[in-house]
């Protein structure tokens, strides 16, 4: 059965324009979700060489940064989870 989550993001993801999202059957973990979104936007959110989150992104699940969740990106998603994906704007002057 497909999971339904609440997805907040500051990037445009074709097909995922609303916050209430039904995920494909093969998306079970936060890592799966990020790889799925990466395919949709044609950008690797997960670094291919390390398997870690790209430095330009911050991701939280249910209000906790993924970096501080014991399972990390491999945490299993559940119905009604809140996932926040943000690309960090570059600064400079």
PDB file of N, CA and C in Angstrom:
ATOM      1  N   UNK A   1       0.836  -1.181   0.000  1.00  0.00           N
ATOM      2  CA  UNK A   1       0.000   0.000   0.000  1.00  0.00           C
ATOM      3  C   UNK A   1       0.882   1.246   0.000  1.00  0.00           C
ATOM      4  N   UNK A   2       0.534   2.221  -0.806  1.00  0.00           N
ATOM      5  CA  UNK A   2       1.319   3.439  -0.937  1.00  0.00           C
ATOM      6  C   UNK A   2       1.176   4.310   0.311  1.00  0.00           C
ATOM      7  N   UNK A   3       2.279   4.927   0.699  1.00  0.00           N
ATOM      8  CA  UNK A   3       2.296   5.829   1.840  1.00  0.00           C
ATOM      9  C   UNK A   3       1.801   7.210   1.439  1.00  0.00           C
ATOM     10  N   UNK A   4       1.173   7.880   2.393  1.00  0.00           N
ATOM     11  CA  UNK A   4       0.751   9.264   2.197  1.00  0.00           C
ATOM     12  C   UNK A   4       1.485  10.104   3.233  1.00  0.00           C
ATOM     13  N   UNK A   5       2.260  11.094   2.746  1.00  0.00           N
ATOM     14  CA  UNK A   5       3.025  11.947   3.643  1.00  0.00           C
ATOM     15  C   UNK A   5       2.692  13.412   3.373  1.00  0.00           C
ATOM     16  N   UNK A   6       3.179  14.257   4.253  1.00  0.00           N
ATOM     17  CA  UNK A   6       3.085  15.701   4.098  1.00  0.00           C
ATOM     18  C   UNK A   6       4.469  16.197   3.716  1.00  0.00           C
ATOM     19  N   UNK A   7       4.595  16.765   2.543  1.00  0.00           N
ATOM     20  CA  UNK A   7       5.893  17.152   1.998  1.00  0.00           C
ATOM     21  C   UNK A   7       5.955  18.656   1.801  1.00  0.00           C
ATOM     22  N   UNK A   8       6.863  19.280   2.522  1.00  0.00           N
ATOM     23  CA  UNK A   8       7.099  20.706   2.370  1.00  0.00           C
ATOM     24  C   UNK A   8       8.469  20.862   1.727  1.00  0.00           C
ATOM     25  N   UNK A   9       8.581  21.770   0.756  1.00  0.00           N
ATOM     26  CA  UNK A   9       9.848  21.938   0.056  1.00  0.00           C
ATOM     27  C   UNK A   9       9.944  23.337  -0.508  1.00  0.00           C
ATOM     28  N   UNK A  10      11.165  23.791  -0.743  1.00  0.00           N
ATOM     29  CA  UNK A  10      11.343  25.100  -1.367  1.00  0.00           C
ATOM     30  C   UNK A  10      11.888  24.948  -2.786  1.00  0.00           C
ATOM     31  N   UNK A  11      11.667  23.792  -3.373  1.00  0.00           N
ATOM     32  CA  UNK A  11      12.035  23.521  -4.765  1.00  0.00           C
ATOM     33  C   UNK A  11      10.793  23.046  -5.511  1.00  0.00           C
ATOM     34  N   UNK A  12      10.767  23.310  -6.792  1.00  0.00           N
ATOM     35  CA  UNK A  12       9.649  22.860  -7.619  1.00  0.00           C
ATOM     36  C   UNK A  12       9.905  21.415  -8.039  1.00  0.00           C
ATOM     37  N   UNK A  13       8.962  20.546  -7.719  1.00  0.00           N
ATOM     38  CA  UNK A  13       9.069  19.134  -8.079  1.00  0.00           C
ATOM     39  C   UNK A  13       7.853  18.775  -8.928  1.00  0.00           C
ATOM     40  N   UNK A  14       8.054  18.545 -10.224  1.00  0.00           N
ATOM     41  CA  UNK A  14       6.935  18.194 -11.103  1.00  0.00           C
ATOM     42  C   UNK A  14       6.190  16.963 -10.575  1.00  0.00           C
ATOM     43  N   UNK A  15       4.877  17.096 -10.480  1.00  0.00           N
ATOM     44  CA  UNK A  15       4.051  15.989 -10.003  1.00  0.00           C
ATOM     45  C   UNK A  15       3.850  15.978  -8.498  1.00  0.00           C
ATOM     46  N   UNK A  16       4.620  16.797  -7.778  1.00  0.00           N
ATOM     47  CA  UNK A  16       4.485  16.867  -6.320  1.00  0.00           C
ATOM     48  C   UNK A  16       4.257  18.316  -5.895  1.00  0.00           C
ATOM     49  N   UNK A  17       3.268  18.961  -6.505  1.00  0.00           N
ATOM     50  CA  UNK A  17       3.030  20.373  -6.256  1.00  0.00           C
ATOM     51  C   UNK A  17       2.296  20.638  -4.943  1.00  0.00           C
ATOM     52  N   UNK A  18       1.572  19.665  -4.428  1.00  0.00           N
ATOM     53  CA  UNK A  18       0.828  19.863  -3.191  1.00  0.00           C
ATOM     54  C   UNK A  18       1.609  19.318  -2.009  1.00  0.00           C
ATOM     55  N   UNK A  19       1.183  19.691  -0.803  1.00  0.00           N
ATOM     56  CA  UNK A  19       1.853  19.186   0.394  1.00  0.00           C
ATOM     57  C   UNK A  19       1.457  17.750   0.711  1.00  0.00           C
ATOM     58  N   UNK A  20       0.226  17.394   0.463  1.00  0.00           N
ATOM     59  CA  UNK A  20      -0.232  16.023   0.701  1.00  0.00           C
ATOM     60  C   UNK A  20       0.163  15.182  -0.508  1.00  0.00           C
ATOM     61  N   UNK A  21       1.027  14.197  -0.275  1.00  0.00           N
ATOM     62  CA  UNK A  21       1.612  13.424  -1.370  1.00  0.00           C
ATOM     63  C   UNK A  21       1.408  11.935  -1.123  1.00  0.00           C
ATOM     64  N   UNK A  22       0.973  11.239  -2.163  1.00  0.00           N
ATOM     65  CA  UNK A  22       0.941   9.778  -2.130  1.00  0.00           C
ATOM     66  C   UNK A  22       2.186   9.294  -2.860  1.00  0.00           C
ATOM     67  N   UNK A  23       2.986   8.501  -2.174  1.00  0.00           N
ATOM     68  CA  UNK A  23       4.266   8.051  -2.720  1.00  0.00           C
ATOM     69  C   UNK A  23       4.117   6.794  -3.576  1.00  0.00           C
ATOM     70  N   UNK A  24       5.030   6.599  -4.523  1.00  0.00           N
ATOM     71  CA  UNK A  24       5.033   5.355  -5.286  1.00  0.00           C
ATOM     72  C   UNK A  24       5.262   4.156  -4.358  1.00  0.00           C
ATOM     73  N   UNK A  25       4.842   3.012  -4.787  1.00  0.00           N
ATOM     74  CA  UNK A  25       4.936   1.783  -3.986  1.00  0.00           C
ATOM     75  C   UNK A  25       6.361   1.437  -3.560  1.00  0.00           C
ATOM     76  N   UNK A  26       7.369   1.845  -4.354  1.00  0.00           N
ATOM     77  CA  UNK A  26       8.753   1.463  -4.040  1.00  0.00           C
ATOM     78  C   UNK A  26       9.481   2.475  -3.154  1.00  0.00           C
ATOM     79  N   UNK A  27       8.783   3.489  -2.648  1.00  0.00           N
ATOM     80  CA  UNK A  27       9.388   4.472  -1.746  1.00  0.00           C
ATOM     81  C   UNK A  27       9.003   4.112  -0.314  1.00  0.00           C
ATOM     82  N   UNK A  28      10.010   3.679   0.463  1.00  0.00           N
ATOM     83  CA  UNK A  28       9.767   3.224   1.830  1.00  0.00           C
ATOM     84  C   UNK A  28      10.553   4.008   2.872  1.00  0.00           C
ATOM     85  N   UNK A  29      11.690   4.598   2.465  1.00  0.00           N
ATOM     86  CA  UNK A  29      12.558   5.301   3.401  1.00  0.00           C
ATOM     87  C   UNK A  29      12.756   6.741   2.940  1.00  0.00           C
ATOM     88  N   UNK A  30      13.332   7.538   3.819  1.00  0.00           N
ATOM     89  CA  UNK A  30      13.659   8.912   3.462  1.00  0.00           C
ATOM     90  C   UNK A  30      14.643   8.929   2.297  1.00  0.00           C
ATOM     91  N   UNK A  31      15.606   8.025   2.291  1.00  0.00           N
ATOM     92  CA  UNK A  31      16.567   7.917   1.186  1.00  0.00           C
ATOM     93  C   UNK A  31      15.837   7.625  -0.133  1.00  0.00           C
ATOM     94  N   UNK A  32      14.895   6.683  -0.106  1.00  0.00           N
ATOM     95  CA  UNK A  32      14.108   6.367  -1.308  1.00  0.00           C
ATOM     96  C   UNK A  32      13.384   7.614  -1.813  1.00  0.00           C
ATOM     97  N   UNK A  33      12.795   8.382  -0.873  1.00  0.00           N
ATOM     98  CA  UNK A  33      12.065   9.593  -1.240  1.00  0.00           C
ATOM     99  C   UNK A  33      12.992  10.602  -1.912  1.00  0.00           C
ATOM    100  N   UNK A  34      14.160  10.815  -1.339  1.00  0.00           N
ATOM    101  CA  UNK A  34      15.098  11.788  -1.891  1.00  0.00           C
ATOM    102  C   UNK A  34      15.619  11.349  -3.258  1.00  0.00           C
ATOM    103  N   UNK A  35      15.837  10.062  -3.430  1.00  0.00           N
ATOM    104  CA  UNK A  35      16.263   9.562  -4.742  1.00  0.00           C
ATOM    105  C   UNK A  35      15.141   9.712  -5.764  1.00  0.00           C
ATOM    106  N   UNK A  36      13.910   9.454  -5.359  1.00  0.00           N
ATOM    107  CA  UNK A  36      12.750   9.622  -6.230  1.00  0.00           C
ATOM    108  C   UNK A  36      12.611  11.078  -6.664  1.00  0.00           C
ATOM    109  N   UNK A  37      12.679  11.997  -5.705  1.00  0.00           N
ATOM    110  CA  UNK A  37      12.585  13.414  -6.034  1.00  0.00           C
ATOM    111  C   UNK A  37      13.755  13.833  -6.923  1.00  0.00           C
ATOM    112  N   UNK A  38      14.937  13.325  -6.641  1.00  0.00           N
ATOM    113  CA  UNK A  38      16.097  13.622  -7.478  1.00  0.00           C
ATOM    114  C   UNK A  38      15.875  13.235  -8.929  1.00  0.00           C
ATOM    115  N   UNK A  39      15.239  12.088  -9.144  1.00  0.00           N
ATOM    116  CA  UNK A  39      14.921  11.672 -10.522  1.00  0.00           C
ATOM    117  C   UNK A  39      13.924  12.634 -11.165  1.00  0.00           C
ATOM    118  N   UNK A  40      12.952  13.099 -10.395  1.00  0.00           N
ATOM    119  CA  UNK A  40      11.941  14.007 -10.934  1.00  0.00           C
ATOM    120  C   UNK A  40      12.521  15.366 -11.311  1.00  0.00           C
ATOM    121  N   UNK A  41      13.503  15.850 -10.546  1.00  0.00           N
ATOM    122  CA  UNK A  41      14.076  17.172 -10.817  1.00  0.00           C
ATOM    123  C   UNK A  41      15.398  17.091 -11.579  1.00  0.00           C
ATOM    124  N   UNK A  42      15.825  15.882 -11.891  1.00  0.00           N
ATOM    125  CA  UNK A  42      17.076  15.668 -12.628  1.00  0.00           C
ATOM    126  C   UNK A  42      18.270  16.256 -11.888  1.00  0.00           C
ATOM    127  N   UNK A  43      18.333  15.973 -10.581  1.00  0.00           N
ATOM    128  CA  UNK A  43      19.432  16.440  -9.755  1.00  0.00           C
ATOM    129  C   UNK A  43      19.627  15.426  -8.632  1.00  0.00           C
ATOM    130  N   UNK A  44      20.865  15.061  -8.388  1.00  0.00           N
ATOM    131  CA  UNK A  44      21.158  14.082  -7.336  1.00  0.00           C
ATOM    132  C   UNK A  44      21.160  14.762  -5.969  1.00  0.00           C
ATOM    133  N   UNK A  45      20.137  14.517  -5.167  1.00  0.00           N
ATOM    134  CA  UNK A  45      20.065  15.036  -3.808  1.00  0.00           C
ATOM    135  C   UNK A  45      20.979  14.218  -2.898  1.00  0.00           C
ATOM    136  N   UNK A  46      21.122  12.948  -3.226  1.00  0.00           N
ATOM    137  CA  UNK A  46      22.032  12.045  -2.519  1.00  0.00           C
ATOM    138  C   UNK A  46      23.296  11.925  -3.363  1.00  0.00           C
ATOM    139  N   UNK A  47      24.454  12.218  -2.763  1.00  0.00           N
ATOM    140  CA  UNK A  47      25.717  12.133  -3.498  1.00  0.00           C
ATOM    141  C   UNK A  47      25.981  10.687  -3.908  1.00  0.00           C
ATOM    142  N   UNK A  48      26.248  10.477  -5.179  1.00  0.00           N
ATOM    143  CA  UNK A  48      26.479   9.121  -5.689  1.00  0.00           C
ATOM    144  C   UNK A  48      27.732   8.497  -5.102  1.00  0.00           C
ATOM    145  N   UNK A  49      28.759   9.290  -4.845  1.00  0.00           N
ATOM    146  CA  UNK A  49      30.021   8.729  -4.364  1.00  0.00           C
ATOM    147  C   UNK A  49      29.992   8.357  -2.882  1.00  0.00           C
ATOM    148  N   UNK A  50      29.226   9.098  -2.075  1.00  0.00           N
ATOM    149  CA  UNK A  50      29.223   8.833  -0.631  1.00  0.00           C
ATOM    150  C   UNK A  50      27.904   8.265  -0.112  1.00  0.00           C
ATOM    151  N   UNK A  51      26.823   8.491  -0.841  1.00  0.00           N
ATOM    152  CA  UNK A  51      25.510   8.072  -0.361  1.00  0.00           C
ATOM    153  C   UNK A  51      24.929   9.009   0.680  1.00  0.00           C
ATOM    154  N   UNK A  52      25.603  10.152   0.897  1.00  0.00           N
ATOM    155  CA  UNK A  52      25.154  11.140   1.868  1.00  0.00           C
ATOM    156  C   UNK A  52      24.344  12.236   1.176  1.00  0.00           C
ATOM    157  N   UNK A  53      23.650  13.006   1.976  1.00  0.00           N
ATOM    158  CA  UNK A  53      22.900  14.143   1.487  1.00  0.00           C
ATOM    159  C   UNK A  53      23.868  15.183   0.930  1.00  0.00           C
ATOM    160  N   UNK A  54      23.539  15.731  -0.240  1.00  0.00           N
ATOM    161  CA  UNK A  54      24.357  16.802  -0.811  1.00  0.00           C
ATOM    162  C   UNK A  54      24.393  17.978   0.169  1.00  0.00           C
ATOM    163  N   UNK A  55      25.510  18.707   0.187  1.00  0.00           N
ATOM    164  CA  UNK A  55      25.683  19.824   1.121  1.00  0.00           C
ATOM    165  C   UNK A  55      24.666  20.938   0.930  1.00  0.00           C
ATOM    166  N   UNK A  56      24.100  21.062  -0.261  1.00  0.00           N
ATOM    167  CA  UNK A  56      23.161  22.142  -0.563  1.00  0.00           C
ATOM    168  C   UNK A  56      21.763  21.905  -0.001  1.00  0.00           C
ATOM    169  N   UNK A  57      21.516  20.765   0.618  1.00  0.00           N
ATOM    170  CA  UNK A  57      20.175  20.412   1.077  1.00  0.00           C
ATOM    171  C   UNK A  57      20.122  20.221   2.583  1.00  0.00           C
ATOM    172  N   UNK A  58      18.981  20.596   3.147  1.00  0.00           N
ATOM    173  CA  UNK A  58      18.652  20.272   4.533  1.00  0.00           C
ATOM    174  C   UNK A  58      17.342  19.500   4.503  1.00  0.00           C
ATOM    175  N   UNK A  59      17.280  18.411   5.247  1.00  0.00           N
ATOM    176  CA  UNK A  59      16.097  17.552   5.253  1.00  0.00           C
ATOM    177  C   UNK A  59      15.733  17.244   6.699  1.00  0.00           C
ATOM    178  N   UNK A  60      14.441  17.358   6.990  1.00  0.00           N
ATOM    179  CA  UNK A  60      13.963  16.972   8.312  1.00  0.00           C
ATOM    180  C   UNK A  60      12.746  16.072   8.160  1.00  0.00           C
ATOM    181  N   UNK A  61      12.539  15.253   9.170  1.00  0.00           N
ATOM    182  CA  UNK A  61      11.377  14.377   9.212  1.00  0.00           C
ATOM    183  C   UNK A  61      10.719  14.562  10.571  1.00  0.00           C
ATOM    184  N   UNK A  62       9.448  14.901  10.542  1.00  0.00           N
ATOM    185  CA  UNK A  62       8.670  15.153  11.757  1.00  0.00           C
ATOM    186  C   UNK A  62       9.365  16.147  12.685  1.00  0.00           C
ATOM    187  N   UNK A  63       9.953  17.195  12.078  1.00  0.00           N
ATOM    188  CA  UNK A  63      10.571  18.260  12.844  1.00  0.00           C
ATOM    189  C   UNK A  63      12.000  18.015  13.292  1.00  0.00           C
ATOM    190  N   UNK A  64      12.560  16.845  12.969  1.00  0.00           N
ATOM    191  CA  UNK A  64      13.942  16.529  13.367  1.00  0.00           C
ATOM    192  C   UNK A  64      14.825  16.466  12.132  1.00  0.00           C
ATOM    193  N   UNK A  65      15.975  17.130  12.196  1.00  0.00           N
ATOM    194  CA  UNK A  65      16.903  17.053  11.076  1.00  0.00           C
ATOM    195  C   UNK A  65      17.327  15.607  10.873  1.00  0.00           C
ATOM    196  N   UNK A  66      17.372  15.197   9.614  1.00  0.00           N
ATOM    197  CA  UNK A  66      17.717  13.811   9.288  1.00  0.00           C
ATOM    198  C   UNK A  66      19.082  13.433   9.848  1.00  0.00           C
ATOM    199  N   UNK A  67      19.994  14.391   9.917  1.00  0.00           N
ATOM    200  CA  UNK A  67      21.338  14.120  10.433  1.00  0.00           C
ATOM    201  C   UNK A  67      21.317  13.691  11.897  1.00  0.00           C
ATOM    202  N   UNK A  68      20.250  14.050  12.629  1.00  0.00           N
ATOM    203  CA  UNK A  68      20.165  13.742  14.053  1.00  0.00           C
ATOM    204  C   UNK A  68      19.222  12.594  14.370  1.00  0.00           C
ATOM    205  N   UNK A  69      18.686  11.965  13.354  1.00  0.00           N
ATOM    206  CA  UNK A  69      17.831  10.794  13.533  1.00  0.00           C
ATOM    207  C   UNK A  69      18.748   9.571  13.518  1.00  0.00           C
ATOM    208  N   UNK A  70      18.641   8.669  14.504  1.00  0.00           N
ATOM    209  CA  UNK A  70      19.559   7.527  14.547  1.00  0.00           C
ATOM    210  C   UNK A  70      19.665   6.743  13.235  1.00  0.00           C
ATOM    211  N   UNK A  71      18.545   6.557  12.541  1.00  0.00           N
ATOM    212  CA  UNK A  71      18.572   5.801  11.288  1.00  0.00           C
ATOM    213  C   UNK A  71      19.042   6.648  10.115  1.00  0.00           C
ATOM    214  N   UNK A  72      19.142   7.959  10.315  1.00  0.00           N
ATOM    215  CA  UNK A  72      19.562   8.862   9.251  1.00  0.00           C
ATOM    216  C   UNK A  72      18.606   8.805   8.074  1.00  0.00           C
ATOM    217  N   UNK A  73      19.165   8.804   6.876  1.00  0.00           N
ATOM    218  CA  UNK A  73      18.345   8.790   5.662  1.00  0.00           C
ATOM    219  C   UNK A  73      17.618   7.466   5.460  1.00  0.00           C
ATOM    220  N   UNK A  74      18.003   6.459   6.209  1.00  0.00           N
ATOM    221  CA  UNK A  74      17.380   5.144   6.058  1.00  0.00           C
ATOM    222  C   UNK A  74      16.181   4.940   6.986  1.00  0.00           C
ATOM    223  N   UNK A  75      15.712   6.020   7.604  1.00  0.00           N
ATOM    224  CA  UNK A  75      14.530   5.922   8.453  1.00  0.00           C
ATOM    225  C   UNK A  75      13.321   5.555   7.590  1.00  0.00           C
ATOM    226  N   UNK A  76      12.512   4.657   8.073  1.00  0.00           N
ATOM    227  CA  UNK A  76      11.301   4.241   7.361  1.00  0.00           C
ATOM    228  C   UNK A  76      10.245   5.337   7.457  1.00  0.00           C
ATOM    229  N   UNK A  77       9.599   5.593   6.341  1.00  0.00           N
ATOM    230  CA  UNK A  77       8.501   6.555   6.312  1.00  0.00           C
ATOM    231  C   UNK A  77       7.218   5.872   6.743  1.00  0.00           C
ATOM    232  N   UNK A  78       6.354   6.656   7.398  1.00  0.00           N
ATOM    233  CA  UNK A  78       5.048   6.161   7.821  1.00  0.00           C
ATOM    234  C   UNK A  78       3.988   7.126   7.311  1.00  0.00           C
ATOM    235  N   UNK A  79       2.758   6.636   7.204  1.00  0.00           N
ATOM    236  CA  UNK A  79       1.655   7.509   6.821  1.00  0.00           C
ATOM    237  C   UNK A  79       1.630   8.747   7.711  1.00  0.00           C
ATOM    238  N   UNK A  80       1.382   9.881   7.091  1.00  0.00           N
ATOM    239  CA  UNK A  80       1.237  11.172   7.759  1.00  0.00           C
ATOM    240  C   UNK A  80       2.523  11.751   8.317  1.00  0.00           C
ATOM    241  N   UNK A  81       3.686  11.180   7.973  1.00  0.00           N
ATOM    242  CA  UNK A  81       4.950  11.804   8.343  1.00  0.00           C
ATOM    243  C   UNK A  81       5.039  13.172   7.683  1.00  0.00           C
ATOM    244  N   UNK A  82       5.769  14.073   8.331  1.00  0.00           N
ATOM    245  CA  UNK A  82       6.047  15.397   7.780  1.00  0.00           C
ATOM    246  C   UNK A  82       7.513  15.423   7.343  1.00  0.00           C
ATOM    247  N   UNK A  83       7.736  15.663   6.071  1.00  0.00           N
ATOM    248  CA  UNK A  83       9.087  15.739   5.528  1.00  0.00           C
ATOM    249  C   UNK A  83       9.283  17.135   4.957  1.00  0.00           C
ATOM    250  N   UNK A  84      10.390  17.761   5.331  1.00  0.00           N
ATOM    251  CA  UNK A  84      10.732  19.096   4.851  1.00  0.00           C
ATOM    252  C   UNK A  84      12.067  19.009   4.121  1.00  0.00           C
ATOM    253  N   UNK A  85      12.079  19.413   2.858  1.00  0.00           N
ATOM    254  CA  UNK A  85      13.284  19.382   2.034  1.00  0.00           C
ATOM    255  C   UNK A  85      13.561  20.804   1.583  1.00  0.00           C
ATOM    256  N   UNK A  86      14.723  21.303   1.925  1.00  0.00           N
ATOM    257  CA  UNK A  86      15.073  22.663   1.536  1.00  0.00           C
ATOM    258  C   UNK A  86      16.450  22.691   0.893  1.00  0.00           C
ATOM    259  N   UNK A  87      16.533  23.420  -0.207  1.00  0.00           N
ATOM    260  CA  UNK A  87      17.823  23.705  -0.779  1.00  0.00           C
ATOM    261  C   UNK A  87      18.304  24.995  -0.107  1.00  0.00           C
ATOM    262  N   UNK A  88      19.529  24.970   0.359  1.00  0.00           N
ATOM    263  CA  UNK A  88      20.078  26.099   1.105  1.00  0.00           C
ATOM    264  C   UNK A  88      20.607  27.121   0.109  1.00  0.00           C
ATOM    265  N   UNK A  89      20.056  28.332   0.161  1.00  0.00           N
ATOM    266  CA  UNK A  89      20.535  29.360  -0.778  1.00  0.00           C
ATOM    267  C   UNK A  89      21.988  29.719  -0.474  1.00  0.00           C
ATOM    268  N   UNK A  90      22.735  29.956  -1.553  1.00  0.00           N
ATOM    269  CA  UNK A  90      24.122  30.357  -1.400  1.00  0.00           C
ATOM    270  C   UNK A  90      24.189  31.841  -1.097  1.00  0.00           C
ATOM    271  N   UNK A  91      25.077  32.210  -0.210  1.00  0.00           N
ATOM    272  CA  UNK A  91      25.244  33.620   0.134  1.00  0.00           C
ATOM    273  C   UNK A  91      26.577  34.124  -0.414  1.00  0.00           C
ATOM    274  N   UNK A  92      26.770  35.352  -0.285  1.00  0.00           N
ATOM    275  CA  UNK A  92      28.032  35.935  -0.720  1.00  0.00           C
ATOM    276  C   UNK A  92      27.873  37.417  -0.929  1.00  0.00           C
ATOM    277  N   UNK A  93      28.974  38.020  -1.262  1.00  0.00           N
ATOM    278  CA  UNK A  93      28.853  39.455  -1.420  1.00  0.00           C
ATOM    279  C   UNK A  93      29.962  40.034  -2.222  1.00  0.00           C
TER     280      UNK A  93
END
